[in-house]
Amino acid sequence: MSGERGQASVELLGGLPVLLLAGLVAFQLLAVGYASVIAGSAANAGALAMAAGSDPKAGVRESLPGWPRADARVEASHGRVRVSLRPPSLLRVLRRELEVTAEAAVNAP
C-alpha cells in the first residue's frame, strides 16, 4: 500500500510541469485575445476621432487601458488608423515576438 502512495507522488511530480506549461499557454492565448480586442476597439476610436476632425492618435491613446497605452504604436494616414500592441507575457522572448494589429477606416461621403 505504501508503494502505491509513492507511485502517486512520482506521477504527480511528473505531471506537474505539464500542467504548469498548459496554464502558461492558456494565459498567453488569453492575453493575445484580449490585446486583439483592445487594439480593435482603439482603432475604431481613432477612426471616429479622425472622422470628427480630431487627432486620431489622441483618440486611440484615450481609449486604451493603462498597460498598453505607453507601448501602443499608432499609424494614421489616408483615412486609416492602425494600432499595434504587444500583449503581456511572462517570457520576454514571447513579448518581443508577439504583436497584435488592428485597423479601422473612415469612409468619406
N, C-alpha and C. Protein backbone atom coordinates (compact mmCIF):
# COMPACT_ATOMS: atom_id res chain seq x y z
N MET A 1 0.81 -1.19 0.00
CA MET A 1 0.00 0.00 0.00
C MET A 1 0.86 1.26 0.00
N SER A 2 1.93 1.28 0.79
CA SER A 2 2.78 2.47 0.83
C SER A 2 3.51 2.68 -0.49
N GLY A 3 3.76 1.59 -1.23
CA GLY A 3 4.40 1.73 -2.54
C GLY A 3 3.50 2.42 -3.54
N GLU A 4 2.18 2.20 -3.41
CA GLU A 4 1.24 2.86 -4.31
C GLU A 4 1.18 4.36 -4.04
N ARG A 5 1.27 4.74 -2.78
CA ARG A 5 1.28 6.17 -2.47
C ARG A 5 2.54 6.83 -3.02
N GLY A 6 3.64 6.13 -2.94
CA GLY A 6 4.88 6.67 -3.52
C GLY A 6 4.77 6.82 -5.02
N GLN A 7 4.09 5.86 -5.68
CA GLN A 7 3.89 5.93 -7.12
C GLN A 7 3.03 7.14 -7.49
N ALA A 8 2.01 7.42 -6.70
CA ALA A 8 1.16 8.58 -6.97
C ALA A 8 1.94 9.87 -6.84
N SER A 9 2.84 9.94 -5.88
CA SER A 9 3.65 11.15 -5.71
C SER A 9 4.58 11.35 -6.91
N VAL A 10 5.15 10.26 -7.40
CA VAL A 10 6.03 10.36 -8.56
C VAL A 10 5.24 10.80 -9.79
N GLU A 11 4.04 10.26 -9.95
CA GLU A 11 3.20 10.67 -11.08
C GLU A 11 2.79 12.13 -10.98
N LEU A 12 2.51 12.58 -9.78
CA LEU A 12 2.16 13.98 -9.59
C LEU A 12 3.34 14.87 -9.94
N LEU A 13 4.52 14.52 -9.49
CA LEU A 13 5.69 15.33 -9.82
C LEU A 13 6.00 15.31 -11.31
N GLY A 14 5.71 14.19 -11.96
CA GLY A 14 5.92 14.11 -13.40
C GLY A 14 4.90 14.93 -14.19
N GLY A 15 3.68 14.98 -13.68
CA GLY A 15 2.62 15.69 -14.38
C GLY A 15 2.55 17.17 -14.08
N LEU A 16 3.18 17.59 -12.99
CA LEU A 16 3.11 19.00 -12.59
C LEU A 16 3.70 19.95 -13.64
N PRO A 17 4.86 19.65 -14.23
CA PRO A 17 5.38 20.56 -15.27
C PRO A 17 4.45 20.67 -16.48
N VAL A 18 3.78 19.58 -16.82
CA VAL A 18 2.86 19.61 -17.96
C VAL A 18 1.67 20.52 -17.63
N LEU A 19 1.15 20.40 -16.41
CA LEU A 19 0.04 21.27 -16.00
C LEU A 19 0.48 22.74 -15.97
N LEU A 20 1.67 22.99 -15.49
CA LEU A 20 2.17 24.36 -15.44
C LEU A 20 2.34 24.93 -16.85
N LEU A 21 2.87 24.14 -17.75
CA LEU A 21 3.04 24.58 -19.14
C LEU A 21 1.69 24.85 -19.80
N ALA A 22 0.71 23.99 -19.55
CA ALA A 22 -0.62 24.18 -20.11
C ALA A 22 -1.24 25.48 -19.57
N GLY A 23 -1.02 25.76 -18.30
CA GLY A 23 -1.52 27.01 -17.72
C GLY A 23 -0.87 28.23 -18.34
N LEU A 24 0.43 28.17 -18.57
CA LEU A 24 1.13 29.30 -19.20
C LEU A 24 0.68 29.52 -20.63
N VAL A 25 0.46 28.43 -21.36
CA VAL A 25 -0.03 28.55 -22.74
C VAL A 25 -1.43 29.16 -22.75
N ALA A 26 -2.29 28.71 -21.83
CA ALA A 26 -3.64 29.26 -21.76
C ALA A 26 -3.60 30.75 -21.42
N PHE A 27 -2.74 31.14 -20.47
CA PHE A 27 -2.60 32.55 -20.12
C PHE A 27 -2.17 33.36 -21.34
N GLN A 28 -1.21 32.86 -22.09
CA GLN A 28 -0.70 33.60 -23.24
C GLN A 28 -1.77 33.74 -24.31
N LEU A 29 -2.53 32.69 -24.55
CA LEU A 29 -3.61 32.77 -25.54
C LEU A 29 -4.68 33.78 -25.12
N LEU A 30 -5.02 33.79 -23.86
CA LEU A 30 -5.99 34.77 -23.37
C LEU A 30 -5.45 36.20 -23.49
N ALA A 31 -4.16 36.38 -23.19
CA ALA A 31 -3.56 37.71 -23.29
C ALA A 31 -3.55 38.21 -24.73
N VAL A 32 -3.26 37.33 -25.68
CA VAL A 32 -3.26 37.72 -27.09
C VAL A 32 -4.68 38.07 -27.54
N GLY A 33 -5.66 37.28 -27.13
CA GLY A 33 -7.04 37.57 -27.48
C GLY A 33 -7.52 38.89 -26.90
N TYR A 34 -7.18 39.14 -25.64
CA TYR A 34 -7.57 40.39 -25.00
C TYR A 34 -6.91 41.59 -25.68
N ALA A 35 -5.62 41.45 -26.01
CA ALA A 35 -4.92 42.53 -26.71
C ALA A 35 -5.52 42.79 -28.08
N SER A 36 -5.98 41.74 -28.74
CA SER A 36 -6.62 41.89 -30.05
C SER A 36 -7.92 42.68 -29.94
N VAL A 37 -8.71 42.38 -28.92
CA VAL A 37 -9.96 43.11 -28.71
C VAL A 37 -9.69 44.58 -28.39
N ILE A 38 -8.71 44.83 -27.53
CA ILE A 38 -8.36 46.20 -27.16
C ILE A 38 -7.85 46.97 -28.37
N ALA A 39 -7.01 46.32 -29.19
CA ALA A 39 -6.48 47.01 -30.38
C ALA A 39 -7.59 47.36 -31.35
N GLY A 40 -8.54 46.46 -31.55
CA GLY A 40 -9.66 46.74 -32.44
C GLY A 40 -10.51 47.89 -31.95
N SER A 41 -10.78 47.90 -30.67
CA SER A 41 -11.56 48.99 -30.09
C SER A 41 -10.82 50.32 -30.19
N ALA A 42 -9.52 50.30 -29.95
CA ALA A 42 -8.73 51.52 -30.03
C ALA A 42 -8.66 52.03 -31.47
N ALA A 43 -8.53 51.13 -32.44
CA ALA A 43 -8.50 51.55 -33.85
C ALA A 43 -9.82 52.20 -34.24
N ASN A 44 -10.93 51.63 -33.76
CA ASN A 44 -12.24 52.24 -34.04
C ASN A 44 -12.35 53.62 -33.41
N ALA A 45 -11.85 53.77 -32.18
CA ALA A 45 -11.88 55.08 -31.51
C ALA A 45 -11.03 56.09 -32.27
N GLY A 46 -9.90 55.66 -32.79
CA GLY A 46 -9.06 56.55 -33.59
C GLY A 46 -9.73 56.95 -34.88
N ALA A 47 -10.43 56.01 -35.52
CA ALA A 47 -11.14 56.34 -36.76
C ALA A 47 -12.29 57.30 -36.49
N LEU A 48 -12.99 57.12 -35.38
CA LEU A 48 -14.06 58.05 -35.02
C LEU A 48 -13.50 59.45 -34.75
N ALA A 49 -12.35 59.51 -34.08
CA ALA A 49 -11.73 60.81 -33.83
C ALA A 49 -11.31 61.46 -35.15
N MET A 50 -10.78 60.66 -36.06
CA MET A 50 -10.37 61.19 -37.36
C MET A 50 -11.58 61.72 -38.12
N ALA A 51 -12.69 61.00 -38.06
CA ALA A 51 -13.91 61.43 -38.75
C ALA A 51 -14.45 62.73 -38.16
N ALA A 52 -14.22 62.93 -36.86
CA ALA A 52 -14.69 64.15 -36.19
C ALA A 52 -13.72 65.31 -36.37
N GLY A 53 -12.59 65.06 -37.01
CA GLY A 53 -11.61 66.12 -37.23
C GLY A 53 -10.62 66.28 -36.10
N SER A 54 -10.62 65.36 -35.15
CA SER A 54 -9.67 65.40 -34.03
C SER A 54 -8.43 64.58 -34.36
N ASP A 55 -7.48 64.60 -33.45
CA ASP A 55 -6.26 63.83 -33.61
C ASP A 55 -6.56 62.35 -33.36
N PRO A 56 -6.39 61.49 -34.37
CA PRO A 56 -6.71 60.07 -34.17
C PRO A 56 -5.80 59.38 -33.16
N LYS A 57 -4.54 59.82 -33.09
CA LYS A 57 -3.63 59.20 -32.11
C LYS A 57 -4.07 59.49 -30.69
N ALA A 58 -4.57 60.69 -30.44
CA ALA A 58 -5.08 61.02 -29.12
C ALA A 58 -6.34 60.21 -28.82
N GLY A 59 -7.18 60.00 -29.82
CA GLY A 59 -8.37 59.17 -29.63
C GLY A 59 -8.02 57.74 -29.28
N VAL A 60 -6.99 57.22 -29.92
CA VAL A 60 -6.53 55.86 -29.62
C VAL A 60 -6.00 55.79 -28.20
N ARG A 61 -5.13 56.71 -27.84
CA ARG A 61 -4.50 56.68 -26.51
C ARG A 61 -5.54 56.81 -25.39
N GLU A 62 -6.56 57.64 -25.61
CA GLU A 62 -7.59 57.82 -24.59
C GLU A 62 -8.44 56.57 -24.40
N SER A 63 -8.58 55.78 -25.45
CA SER A 63 -9.44 54.60 -25.35
C SER A 63 -8.72 53.38 -24.78
N LEU A 64 -7.40 53.43 -24.72
CA LEU A 64 -6.64 52.29 -24.21
C LEU A 64 -6.60 52.27 -22.69
N PRO A 65 -6.65 51.08 -22.08
CA PRO A 65 -6.44 51.00 -20.63
C PRO A 65 -4.98 51.26 -20.30
N GLY A 66 -4.62 51.24 -19.06
CA GLY A 66 -3.29 51.64 -18.62
C GLY A 66 -2.11 50.88 -19.20
N TRP A 67 -2.15 49.56 -19.19
CA TRP A 67 -0.93 48.82 -19.54
C TRP A 67 -0.47 48.97 -20.98
N PRO A 68 -1.32 49.02 -22.01
CA PRO A 68 -0.77 49.14 -23.37
C PRO A 68 -0.59 50.57 -23.85
N ARG A 69 -1.02 51.54 -23.06
CA ARG A 69 -1.00 52.93 -23.53
C ARG A 69 0.40 53.40 -23.91
N ALA A 70 1.40 53.06 -23.12
CA ALA A 70 2.76 53.53 -23.39
C ALA A 70 3.41 52.80 -24.56
N ASP A 71 3.04 51.53 -24.77
CA ASP A 71 3.71 50.73 -25.80
C ASP A 71 2.98 50.68 -27.14
N ALA A 72 1.80 51.24 -27.21
CA ALA A 72 1.00 51.14 -28.44
C ALA A 72 1.64 51.93 -29.57
N ARG A 73 1.63 51.32 -30.74
CA ARG A 73 2.08 52.03 -31.95
C ARG A 73 0.84 52.39 -32.75
N VAL A 74 0.74 53.66 -33.11
CA VAL A 74 -0.43 54.15 -33.83
C VAL A 74 0.03 54.79 -35.13
N GLU A 75 -0.56 54.36 -36.23
CA GLU A 75 -0.29 54.95 -37.53
C GLU A 75 -1.63 55.44 -38.09
N ALA A 76 -1.66 56.69 -38.50
CA ALA A 76 -2.90 57.25 -39.05
C ALA A 76 -2.57 58.00 -40.33
N SER A 77 -3.15 57.55 -41.44
CA SER A 77 -2.96 58.26 -42.71
C SER A 77 -4.00 57.78 -43.72
N HIS A 78 -4.36 58.66 -44.62
CA HIS A 78 -5.28 58.35 -45.73
C HIS A 78 -6.59 57.73 -45.24
N GLY A 79 -7.12 58.23 -44.14
CA GLY A 79 -8.40 57.74 -43.65
C GLY A 79 -8.34 56.40 -42.95
N ARG A 80 -7.16 55.92 -42.62
CA ARG A 80 -6.99 54.64 -41.94
C ARG A 80 -6.22 54.83 -40.64
N VAL A 81 -6.60 54.07 -39.64
CA VAL A 81 -5.90 54.08 -38.34
C VAL A 81 -5.49 52.65 -38.04
N ARG A 82 -4.22 52.46 -37.80
CA ARG A 82 -3.69 51.14 -37.46
C ARG A 82 -3.08 51.19 -36.06
N VAL A 83 -3.47 50.25 -35.22
CA VAL A 83 -2.99 50.16 -33.85
C VAL A 83 -2.28 48.82 -33.68
N SER A 84 -1.06 48.86 -33.17
CA SER A 84 -0.29 47.65 -32.89
C SER A 84 0.05 47.60 -31.41
N LEU A 85 -0.24 46.46 -30.78
CA LEU A 85 0.03 46.25 -29.36
C LEU A 85 0.81 44.97 -29.14
N ARG A 86 1.57 44.96 -28.09
CA ARG A 86 2.25 43.73 -27.66
C ARG A 86 1.55 43.23 -26.40
N PRO A 87 0.98 42.03 -26.47
CA PRO A 87 0.27 41.52 -25.29
C PRO A 87 1.23 41.21 -24.15
N PRO A 88 0.75 41.24 -22.92
CA PRO A 88 1.62 40.90 -21.79
C PRO A 88 2.04 39.44 -21.88
N SER A 89 3.24 39.17 -21.42
CA SER A 89 3.76 37.80 -21.44
C SER A 89 4.72 37.63 -20.27
N LEU A 90 4.74 36.41 -19.75
CA LEU A 90 5.67 36.10 -18.67
C LEU A 90 7.09 35.87 -19.18
N LEU A 91 7.21 35.61 -20.47
CA LEU A 91 8.52 35.38 -21.08
C LEU A 91 8.87 36.55 -22.00
N ARG A 92 10.02 37.14 -21.78
CA ARG A 92 10.43 38.31 -22.59
C ARG A 92 10.58 37.97 -24.07
N VAL A 93 11.00 36.75 -24.35
CA VAL A 93 11.18 36.33 -25.75
C VAL A 93 9.83 36.41 -26.47
N LEU A 94 8.78 35.92 -25.84
CA LEU A 94 7.46 35.98 -26.46
C LEU A 94 6.96 37.41 -26.56
N ARG A 95 7.25 38.22 -25.58
CA ARG A 95 6.80 39.62 -25.59
C ARG A 95 7.35 40.35 -26.79
N ARG A 96 8.60 40.06 -27.15
CA ARG A 96 9.20 40.73 -28.30
C ARG A 96 8.64 40.20 -29.62
N GLU A 97 8.25 38.93 -29.64
CA GLU A 97 7.81 38.31 -30.89
C GLU A 97 6.32 38.49 -31.18
N LEU A 98 5.50 38.55 -30.15
CA LEU A 98 4.06 38.65 -30.36
C LEU A 98 3.65 40.10 -30.57
N GLU A 99 2.80 40.30 -31.55
CA GLU A 99 2.24 41.63 -31.77
C GLU A 99 0.86 41.47 -32.39
N VAL A 100 -0.06 42.25 -31.91
CA VAL A 100 -1.44 42.23 -32.40
C VAL A 100 -1.69 43.56 -33.11
N THR A 101 -2.29 43.51 -34.28
CA THR A 101 -2.55 44.70 -35.06
C THR A 101 -4.03 44.75 -35.45
N ALA A 102 -4.61 45.92 -35.36
CA ALA A 102 -5.99 46.13 -35.80
C ALA A 102 -6.04 47.41 -36.62
N GLU A 103 -6.97 47.46 -37.54
CA GLU A 103 -7.08 48.62 -38.43
C GLU A 103 -8.54 49.01 -38.59
N ALA A 104 -8.77 50.30 -38.68
CA ALA A 104 -10.11 50.83 -38.92
C ALA A 104 -9.98 51.95 -39.95
N ALA A 105 -11.04 52.15 -40.71
CA ALA A 105 -11.02 53.16 -41.76
C ALA A 105 -12.21 54.09 -41.63
N VAL A 106 -12.00 55.30 -42.14
CA VAL A 106 -13.05 56.30 -42.20
C VAL A 106 -13.51 56.37 -43.65
N ASN A 107 -14.79 56.17 -43.86
CA ASN A 107 -15.33 56.25 -45.21
C ASN A 107 -15.81 57.67 -45.47
N ALA A 108 -15.20 58.31 -46.44
CA ALA A 108 -15.59 59.68 -46.80
C ALA A 108 -16.85 59.63 -47.67
N PRO A 109 -17.81 60.51 -47.42
CA PRO A 109 -19.04 60.51 -48.24
C PRO A 109 -18.80 61.04 -49.64
